[in-house]
PDB file of N, CA and C in Angstrom:
ATOM      1  N   MET A   1      66.195  20.480 -15.031  1.00  0.00           N
ATOM      2  CA  MET A   1      65.826  19.105 -15.167  1.00  0.00           C
ATOM      3  C   MET A   1      66.747  18.445 -16.179  1.00  0.00           C
ATOM      4  N   THR A   2      67.309  17.322 -15.827  1.00  0.00           N
ATOM      5  CA  THR A   2      68.176  16.583 -16.725  1.00  0.00           C
ATOM      6  C   THR A   2      67.396  15.425 -17.332  1.00  0.00           C
ATOM      7  N   VAL A   3      67.445  15.324 -18.646  1.00  0.00           N
ATOM      8  CA  VAL A   3      66.768  14.248 -19.345  1.00  0.00           C
ATOM      9  C   VAL A   3      67.821  13.286 -19.863  1.00  0.00           C
ATOM     10  N   LYS A   4      67.692  12.020 -19.482  1.00  0.00           N
ATOM     11  CA  LYS A   4      68.625  11.009 -19.953  1.00  0.00           C
ATOM     12  C   LYS A   4      68.138  10.492 -21.299  1.00  0.00           C
ATOM     13  N   PRO A   5      69.006  10.503 -22.323  1.00  0.00           N
ATOM     14  CA  PRO A   5      68.587  10.002 -23.630  1.00  0.00           C
ATOM     15  C   PRO A   5      68.340   8.501 -23.579  1.00  0.00           C
ATOM     16  N   GLU A   6      67.359   8.082 -24.325  1.00  0.00           N
ATOM     17  CA  GLU A   6      67.030   6.671 -24.407  1.00  0.00           C
ATOM     18  C   GLU A   6      67.461   6.166 -25.768  1.00  0.00           C
ATOM     19  N   ILE A   7      68.177   5.069 -25.805  1.00  0.00           N
ATOM     20  CA  ILE A   7      68.633   4.494 -27.065  1.00  0.00           C
ATOM     21  C   ILE A   7      67.638   3.415 -27.468  1.00  0.00           C
ATOM     22  N   ILE A   8      67.081   3.578 -28.657  1.00  0.00           N
ATOM     23  CA  ILE A   8      66.087   2.648 -29.155  1.00  0.00           C
ATOM     24  C   ILE A   8      66.540   2.140 -30.517  1.00  0.00           C
ATOM     25  N   THR A   9      66.496   0.846 -30.711  1.00  0.00           N
ATOM     26  CA  THR A   9      66.797   0.262 -32.006  1.00  0.00           C
ATOM     27  C   THR A   9      65.478  -0.010 -32.704  1.00  0.00           C
ATOM     28  N   VAL A  10      65.364   0.477 -33.922  1.00  0.00           N
ATOM     29  CA  VAL A  10      64.100   0.337 -34.638  1.00  0.00           C
ATOM     30  C   VAL A  10      64.336  -0.170 -36.048  1.00  0.00           C
ATOM     31  N   ASP A  11      63.310  -0.795 -36.603  1.00  0.00           N
ATOM     32  CA  ASP A  11      63.306  -1.152 -38.007  1.00  0.00           C
ATOM     33  C   ASP A  11      62.908   0.106 -38.767  1.00  0.00           C
ATOM     34  N   LEU A  12      63.775   0.619 -39.606  1.00  0.00           N
ATOM     35  CA  LEU A  12      63.523   1.886 -40.262  1.00  0.00           C
ATOM     36  C   LEU A  12      62.369   1.824 -41.254  1.00  0.00           C
ATOM     37  N   GLY A  13      62.040   0.647 -41.752  1.00  0.00           N
ATOM     38  CA  GLY A  13      60.916   0.540 -42.676  1.00  0.00           C
ATOM     39  C   GLY A  13      61.131   1.397 -43.900  1.00  0.00           C
ATOM     40  N   VAL A  14      60.056   1.877 -44.464  1.00  0.00           N
ATOM     41  CA  VAL A  14      60.120   2.680 -45.682  1.00  0.00           C
ATOM     42  C   VAL A  14      60.132   4.150 -45.315  1.00  0.00           C
ATOM     43  N   ARG A  15      61.202   4.816 -45.711  1.00  0.00           N
ATOM     44  CA  ARG A  15      61.299   6.262 -45.497  1.00  0.00           C
ATOM     45  C   ARG A  15      61.291   6.927 -46.856  1.00  0.00           C
ATOM     46  N   ARG A  16      60.629   8.072 -46.938  1.00  0.00           N
ATOM     47  CA  ARG A  16      60.472   8.698 -48.247  1.00  0.00           C
ATOM     48  C   ARG A  16      60.495  10.222 -48.174  1.00  0.00           C
ATOM     49  N   ASP A  17      60.525  10.807 -49.357  1.00  0.00           N
ATOM     50  CA  ASP A  17      60.476  12.265 -49.520  1.00  0.00           C
ATOM     51  C   ASP A  17      61.635  12.966 -48.816  1.00  0.00           C
ATOM     52  N   ARG A  18      62.838  12.434 -48.974  1.00  0.00           N
ATOM     53  CA  ARG A  18      64.019  13.036 -48.330  1.00  0.00           C
ATOM     54  C   ARG A  18      64.277  14.419 -48.908  1.00  0.00           C
ATOM     55  N   GLU A  19      64.477  15.369 -48.015  1.00  0.00           N
ATOM     56  CA  GLU A  19      64.784  16.739 -48.424  1.00  0.00           C
ATOM     57  C   GLU A  19      65.981  17.250 -47.641  1.00  0.00           C
ATOM     58  N   TYR A  20      66.754  18.077 -48.313  1.00  0.00           N
ATOM     59  CA  TYR A  20      67.920  18.696 -47.693  1.00  0.00           C
ATOM     60  C   TYR A  20      67.476  19.914 -46.896  1.00  0.00           C
ATOM     61  N   LEU A  21      67.847  19.969 -45.617  1.00  0.00           N
ATOM     62  CA  LEU A  21      67.498  21.097 -44.760  1.00  0.00           C
ATOM     63  C   LEU A  21      68.555  22.194 -44.799  1.00  0.00           C
ATOM     64  N   GLY A  22      69.789  21.813 -45.072  1.00  0.00           N
ATOM     65  CA  GLY A  22      70.905  22.740 -45.039  1.00  0.00           C
ATOM     66  C   GLY A  22      71.918  22.290 -44.005  1.00  0.00           C
ATOM     67  N   ASP A  23      73.144  22.761 -44.142  1.00  0.00           N
ATOM     68  CA  ASP A  23      74.218  22.468 -43.194  1.00  0.00           C
ATOM     69  C   ASP A  23      74.415  20.973 -42.965  1.00  0.00           C
ATOM     70  N   GLY A  24      74.227  20.170 -44.022  1.00  0.00           N
ATOM     71  CA  GLY A  24      74.475  18.736 -43.939  1.00  0.00           C
ATOM     72  C   GLY A  24      73.345  17.918 -43.326  1.00  0.00           C
ATOM     73  N   ALA A  25      72.210  18.545 -43.067  1.00  0.00           N
ATOM     74  CA  ALA A  25      71.086  17.840 -42.443  1.00  0.00           C
ATOM     75  C   ALA A  25      69.998  17.549 -43.474  1.00  0.00           C
ATOM     76  N   PHE A  26      69.370  16.393 -43.320  1.00  0.00           N
ATOM     77  CA  PHE A  26      68.287  15.965 -44.198  1.00  0.00           C
ATOM     78  C   PHE A  26      67.085  15.585 -43.349  1.00  0.00           C
ATOM     79  N   VAL A  27      65.899  15.578 -43.965  1.00  0.00           N
ATOM     80  CA  VAL A  27      64.697  15.123 -43.274  1.00  0.00           C
ATOM     81  C   VAL A  27      63.894  14.255 -44.241  1.00  0.00           C
ATOM     82  N   ASP A  28      63.304  13.196 -43.706  1.00  0.00           N
ATOM     83  CA  ASP A  28      62.346  12.395 -44.448  1.00  0.00           C
ATOM     84  C   ASP A  28      61.328  11.858 -43.450  1.00  0.00           C
ATOM     85  N   HIS A  29      60.450  10.979 -43.881  1.00  0.00           N
ATOM     86  CA  HIS A  29      59.424  10.482 -42.969  1.00  0.00           C
ATOM     87  C   HIS A  29      59.076   9.034 -43.294  1.00  0.00           C
ATOM     88  N   ASP A  30      58.432   8.383 -42.349  1.00  0.00           N
ATOM     89  CA  ASP A  30      57.988   7.005 -42.527  1.00  0.00           C
ATOM     90  C   ASP A  30      56.489   6.868 -42.269  1.00  0.00           C
ATOM     91  N   ASP A  31      55.753   7.941 -42.419  1.00  0.00           N
ATOM     92  CA  ASP A  31      54.313   8.037 -42.166  1.00  0.00           C
ATOM     93  C   ASP A  31      53.961   8.028 -40.681  1.00  0.00           C
ATOM     94  N   ILE A  32      54.947   7.880 -39.811  1.00  0.00           N
ATOM     95  CA  ILE A  32      54.702   7.893 -38.369  1.00  0.00           C
ATOM     96  C   ILE A  32      55.437   9.053 -37.716  1.00  0.00           C
ATOM     97  N   GLN A  33      56.678   9.250 -38.125  1.00  0.00           N
ATOM     98  CA  GLN A  33      57.508  10.296 -37.524  1.00  0.00           C
ATOM     99  C   GLN A  33      58.446  10.877 -38.568  1.00  0.00           C
ATOM    100  N   LEU A  34      58.980  12.047 -38.261  1.00  0.00           N
ATOM    101  CA  LEU A  34      60.008  12.656 -39.095  1.00  0.00           C
ATOM    102  C   LEU A  34      61.355  12.091 -38.681  1.00  0.00           C
ATOM    103  N   TRP A  35      62.228  11.908 -39.652  1.00  0.00           N
ATOM    104  CA  TRP A  35      63.595  11.456 -39.378  1.00  0.00           C
ATOM    105  C   TRP A  35      64.552  12.541 -39.836  1.00  0.00           C
ATOM    106  N   VAL A  36      65.320  13.083 -38.911  1.00  0.00           N
ATOM    107  CA  VAL A  36      66.352  14.061 -39.224  1.00  0.00           C
ATOM    108  C   VAL A  36      67.672  13.299 -39.233  1.00  0.00           C
ATOM    109  N   SER A  37      68.449  13.464 -40.287  1.00  0.00           N
ATOM    110  CA  SER A  37      69.699  12.719 -40.389  1.00  0.00           C
ATOM    111  C   SER A  37      70.838  13.624 -40.833  1.00  0.00           C
ATOM    112  N   ALA A  38      72.042  13.220 -40.456  1.00  0.00           N
ATOM    113  CA  ALA A  38      73.256  13.923 -40.866  1.00  0.00           C
ATOM    114  C   ALA A  38      74.366  12.887 -41.009  1.00  0.00           C
ATOM    115  N   ASP A  39      75.186  13.066 -42.017  1.00  0.00           N
ATOM    116  CA  ASP A  39      76.332  12.181 -42.212  1.00  0.00           C
ATOM    117  C   ASP A  39      77.546  12.784 -41.540  1.00  0.00           C
ATOM    118  N   HIS A  40      78.284  11.936 -40.826  1.00  0.00           N
ATOM    119  CA  HIS A  40      79.495  12.393 -40.140  1.00  0.00           C
ATOM    120  C   HIS A  40      80.469  11.239 -40.060  1.00  0.00           C
ATOM    121  N   ALA A  41      81.669  11.457 -40.506  1.00  0.00           N
ATOM    122  CA  ALA A  41      82.746  10.471 -40.444  1.00  0.00           C
ATOM    123  C   ALA A  41      82.328   9.148 -41.083  1.00  0.00           C
ATOM    124  N   GLY A  42      81.627   9.242 -42.210  1.00  0.00           N
ATOM    125  CA  GLY A  42      81.247   8.046 -42.935  1.00  0.00           C
ATOM    126  C   GLY A  42      80.048   7.301 -42.378  1.00  0.00           C
ATOM    127  N   ARG A  43      79.395   7.847 -41.382  1.00  0.00           N
ATOM    128  CA  ARG A  43      78.211   7.204 -40.790  1.00  0.00           C
ATOM    129  C   ARG A  43      77.042   8.175 -40.840  1.00  0.00           C
ATOM    130  N   THR A  44      75.849   7.628 -40.931  1.00  0.00           N
ATOM    131  CA  THR A  44      74.646   8.441 -40.888  1.00  0.00           C
ATOM    132  C   THR A  44      74.062   8.362 -39.491  1.00  0.00           C
ATOM    133  N   HIS A  45      73.759   9.504 -38.936  1.00  0.00           N
ATOM    134  CA  HIS A  45      73.171   9.593 -37.596  1.00  0.00           C
ATOM    135  C   HIS A  45      71.734  10.083 -37.749  1.00  0.00           C
ATOM    136  N   ASP A  46      70.798   9.318 -37.187  1.00  0.00           N
ATOM    137  CA  ASP A  46      69.372   9.608 -37.330  1.00  0.00           C
ATOM    138  C   ASP A  46      68.737   9.950 -35.991  1.00  0.00           C
ATOM    139  N   VAL A  47      67.772  10.850 -36.047  1.00  0.00           N
ATOM    140  CA  VAL A  47      66.944  11.179 -34.884  1.00  0.00           C
ATOM    141  C   VAL A  47      65.495  11.129 -35.351  1.00  0.00           C
ATOM    142  N   ALA A  48      64.669  10.362 -34.646  1.00  0.00           N
ATOM    143  CA  ALA A  48      63.253  10.270 -34.973  1.00  0.00           C
ATOM    144  C   ALA A  48      62.485  11.283 -34.135  1.00  0.00           C
ATOM    145  N   LEU A  49      61.628  12.050 -34.797  1.00  0.00           N
ATOM    146  CA  LEU A  49      60.805  13.042 -34.114  1.00  0.00           C
ATOM    147  C   LEU A  49      59.336  12.707 -34.338  1.00  0.00           C
ATOM    148  N   GLY A  50      58.688  12.233 -33.286  1.00  0.00           N
ATOM    149  CA  GLY A  50      57.250  12.030 -33.335  1.00  0.00           C
ATOM    150  C   GLY A  50      56.555  13.336 -33.016  1.00  0.00           C
ATOM    151  N   PRO A  51      55.235  13.328 -32.947  1.00  0.00           N
ATOM    152  CA  PRO A  51      54.491  14.572 -32.686  1.00  0.00           C
ATOM    153  C   PRO A  51      54.920  15.286 -31.404  1.00  0.00           C
ATOM    154  N   ASN A  52      55.123  14.564 -30.320  1.00  0.00           N
ATOM    155  CA  ASN A  52      55.520  15.201 -29.052  1.00  0.00           C
ATOM    156  C   ASN A  52      56.912  15.808 -29.141  1.00  0.00           C
ATOM    157  N   GLU A  53      57.847  15.080 -29.742  1.00  0.00           N
ATOM    158  CA  GLU A  53      59.216  15.594 -29.852  1.00  0.00           C
ATOM    159  C   GLU A  53      59.272  16.814 -30.759  1.00  0.00           C
ATOM    160  N   LEU A  54      58.512  16.775 -31.853  1.00  0.00           N
ATOM    161  CA  LEU A  54      58.485  17.921 -32.761  1.00  0.00           C
ATOM    162  C   LEU A  54      57.882  19.141 -32.068  1.00  0.00           C
ATOM    163  N   ARG A  55      56.807  18.939 -31.317  1.00  0.00           N
ATOM    164  CA  ARG A  55      56.186  20.036 -30.561  1.00  0.00           C
ATOM    165  C   ARG A  55      57.187  20.615 -29.563  1.00  0.00           C
ATOM    166  N   ASN A  56      57.913  19.751 -28.872  1.00  0.00           N
ATOM    167  CA  ASN A  56      58.909  20.218 -27.905  1.00  0.00           C
ATOM    168  C   ASN A  56      60.040  20.989 -28.583  1.00  0.00           C
ATOM    169  N   LEU A  57      60.444  20.545 -29.759  1.00  0.00           N
ATOM    170  CA  LEU A  57      61.491  21.249 -30.502  1.00  0.00           C
ATOM    171  C   LEU A  57      61.019  22.636 -30.914  1.00  0.00           C
ATOM    172  N   VAL A  58      59.788  22.747 -31.389  1.00  0.00           N
ATOM    173  CA  VAL A  58      59.231  24.046 -31.780  1.00  0.00           C
ATOM    174  C   VAL A  58      59.127  24.959 -30.558  1.00  0.00           C
ATOM    175  N   GLN A  59      58.663  24.421 -29.432  1.00  0.00           N
ATOM    176  CA  GLN A  59      58.575  25.226 -28.210  1.00  0.00           C
ATOM    177  C   GLN A  59      59.950  25.722 -27.778  1.00  0.00           C
ATOM    178  N   TYR A  60      60.955  24.873 -27.902  1.00  0.00           N
ATOM    179  CA  TYR A  60      62.323  25.259 -27.544  1.00  0.00           C
ATOM    180  C   TYR A  60      62.807  26.395 -28.443  1.00  0.00           C
ATOM    181  N   ALA A  61      62.558  26.265 -29.747  1.00  0.00           N
ATOM    182  CA  ALA A  61      62.972  27.313 -30.685  1.00  0.00           C
ATOM    183  C   ALA A  61      62.282  28.637 -30.350  1.00  0.00           C
ATOM    184  N   ARG A  62      60.995  28.570 -30.050  1.00  0.00           N
ATOM    185  CA  ARG A  62      60.266  29.788 -29.694  1.00  0.00           C
ATOM    186  C   ARG A  62      60.796  30.412 -28.415  1.00  0.00           C
ATOM    187  N   LYS A  63      61.183  29.568 -27.468  1.00  0.00           N
ATOM    188  CA  LYS A  63      61.752  30.063 -26.205  1.00  0.00           C
ATOM    189  C   LYS A  63      63.038  30.844 -26.482  1.00  0.00           C
ATOM    190  N   LEU A  64      63.756  30.453 -27.516  1.00  0.00           N
ATOM    191  CA  LEU A  64      64.986  31.145 -27.886  1.00  0.00           C
ATOM    192  C   LEU A  64      64.723  32.368 -28.757  1.00  0.00           C
ATOM    193  N   GLY A  65      63.454  32.623 -29.052  1.00  0.00           N
ATOM    194  CA  GLY A  65      63.113  33.783 -29.870  1.00  0.00           C
ATOM    195  C   GLY A  65      63.141  33.504 -31.355  1.00  0.00           C
ATOM    196  N   ILE A  66      63.201  32.243 -31.740  1.00  0.00           N
ATOM    197  CA  ILE A  66      63.199  31.872 -33.152  1.00  0.00           C
ATOM    198  C   ILE A  66      61.754  31.694 -33.579  1.00  0.00           C
ATOM    199  N   GLU A  67      61.350  32.427 -34.620  1.00  0.00           N
ATOM    200  CA  GLU A  67      59.978  32.306 -35.099  1.00  0.00           C
ATOM    201  C   GLU A  67      59.854  31.067 -35.954  1.00  0.00           C
ATOM    202  N   VAL A  68      58.859  30.262 -35.639  1.00  0.00           N
ATOM    203  CA  VAL A  68      58.637  28.998 -36.375  1.00  0.00           C
ATOM    204  C   VAL A  68      57.276  29.044 -37.010  1.00  0.00           C
TER     205      VAL A  68
END
């Protein structure tokens, strides 16, 4: 199954509790979703993970044999 990415422009609002994950990745939250970010070529790239996306990411990791 091929999933086409959807581009959404959002007001970032207040994000807090930024923590370094490692390998140039950071995570913070806005009380609604987690935001994973990485800096590359002078720009910050963000991915928002709501409950469904986070669940899917954990399931994917488990499918690969990664214990979460």
